[in-house]
Amino acid sequence: MPTLTRDQHFADQVREFDFRYRCLDCNFVNRTDLSCSMAYPNQMLLDPQVRPMEREGVYVFCKYFELEELA
């Protein structure tokens, strides 16, 4: 059985646990203009093509992210 790389393992966990990292799921996003109330530059995170890990293995997420409570 082949060994999973760290990146493959992370990608599997993103799918398995429905990992949320986008501004639209964050408690700190201003719903009117989608800016970050913590002043984090979030333009890149609003792009639907951005993945939680880039091909180079760099994680892409906001340090202020806090999952919004679902009603």
Protein backbone atom coordinates (compact mmCIF):
# COMPACT_ATOMS: atom_id res chain seq x y z
CA MET A 1 0.00 0.00 0.00
CA PRO A 2 1.53 3.37 -0.97
CA THR A 3 2.29 5.88 1.75
CA LEU A 4 0.37 9.14 1.65
CA THR A 5 2.41 12.29 1.51
CA ARG A 6 1.68 14.99 4.05
CA ASP A 7 0.02 17.05 1.30
CA GLN A 8 -2.18 14.14 0.18
CA HIS A 9 -3.16 13.47 3.79
CA PHE A 10 -4.11 17.13 4.28
CA ALA A 11 -6.16 17.15 1.05
CA ASP A 12 -8.01 14.04 2.23
CA GLN A 13 -8.78 15.67 5.58
CA VAL A 14 -10.05 18.83 3.87
CA ARG A 15 -12.61 16.72 2.04
CA GLU A 16 -13.43 14.41 4.95
CA PHE A 17 -14.00 17.15 7.55
CA ASP A 18 -15.46 19.75 5.15
CA PHE A 19 -12.64 22.15 6.05
CA ARG A 20 -13.77 25.80 5.91
CA TYR A 21 -11.28 28.57 5.27
CA ARG A 22 -13.01 31.10 3.05
CA CYS A 23 -14.14 34.54 4.10
CA LEU A 24 -17.77 33.72 3.39
CA ASP A 25 -17.66 31.17 6.23
CA CYS A 26 -15.90 33.52 8.65
CA ASN A 27 -17.42 35.42 11.52
CA PHE A 28 -15.23 38.48 10.78
CA VAL A 29 -16.34 39.16 7.20
CA ASN A 30 -18.46 42.26 6.60
CA ARG A 31 -21.46 40.92 4.74
CA THR A 32 -22.10 44.19 2.91
CA ASP A 33 -18.78 44.44 1.03
CA LEU A 34 -16.99 41.17 1.97
CA SER A 35 -14.09 43.06 3.54
CA CYS A 36 -12.50 41.72 6.70
CA SER A 37 -13.46 43.45 9.93
CA MET A 38 -9.95 42.60 11.21
CA ALA A 39 -8.46 44.47 8.20
CA TYR A 40 -6.89 41.28 6.82
CA PRO A 41 -6.25 41.56 3.05
CA ASN A 42 -8.77 38.96 1.90
CA GLN A 43 -9.04 39.51 -1.86
CA MET A 44 -7.17 36.29 -2.62
CA LEU A 45 -9.30 34.23 -0.24
CA LEU A 46 -12.47 35.41 -1.98
CA ASP A 47 -11.30 33.83 -5.25
CA PRO A 48 -13.21 30.54 -5.73
CA GLN A 49 -10.17 29.00 -7.45
CA VAL A 50 -7.97 29.30 -4.34
CA ARG A 51 -7.44 26.01 -2.51
CA PRO A 52 -6.44 25.55 1.17
CA MET A 53 -3.00 24.37 0.03
CA GLU A 54 -1.12 25.58 -3.01
CA ARG A 55 0.71 23.12 -5.27
CA GLU A 56 3.98 24.12 -3.61
CA GLY A 57 2.62 22.90 -0.27
CA VAL A 58 1.97 26.38 1.14
CA TYR A 59 -1.17 26.64 3.26
CA VAL A 60 -3.56 29.44 2.25
CA PHE A 61 -5.79 30.75 5.01
CA CYS A 62 -6.41 33.77 7.18
CA LYS A 63 -4.84 33.94 10.61
CA TYR A 64 -8.03 35.53 11.99
CA PHE A 65 -10.47 32.97 10.61
CA GLU A 66 -13.24 32.05 13.01
CA LEU A 67 -16.05 29.84 11.79
CA GLU A 68 -19.38 31.60 11.84
CA GLU A 69 -22.01 29.83 13.89
CA LEU A 70 -24.73 28.32 11.77
CA ALA A 71 -28.26 29.11 12.83
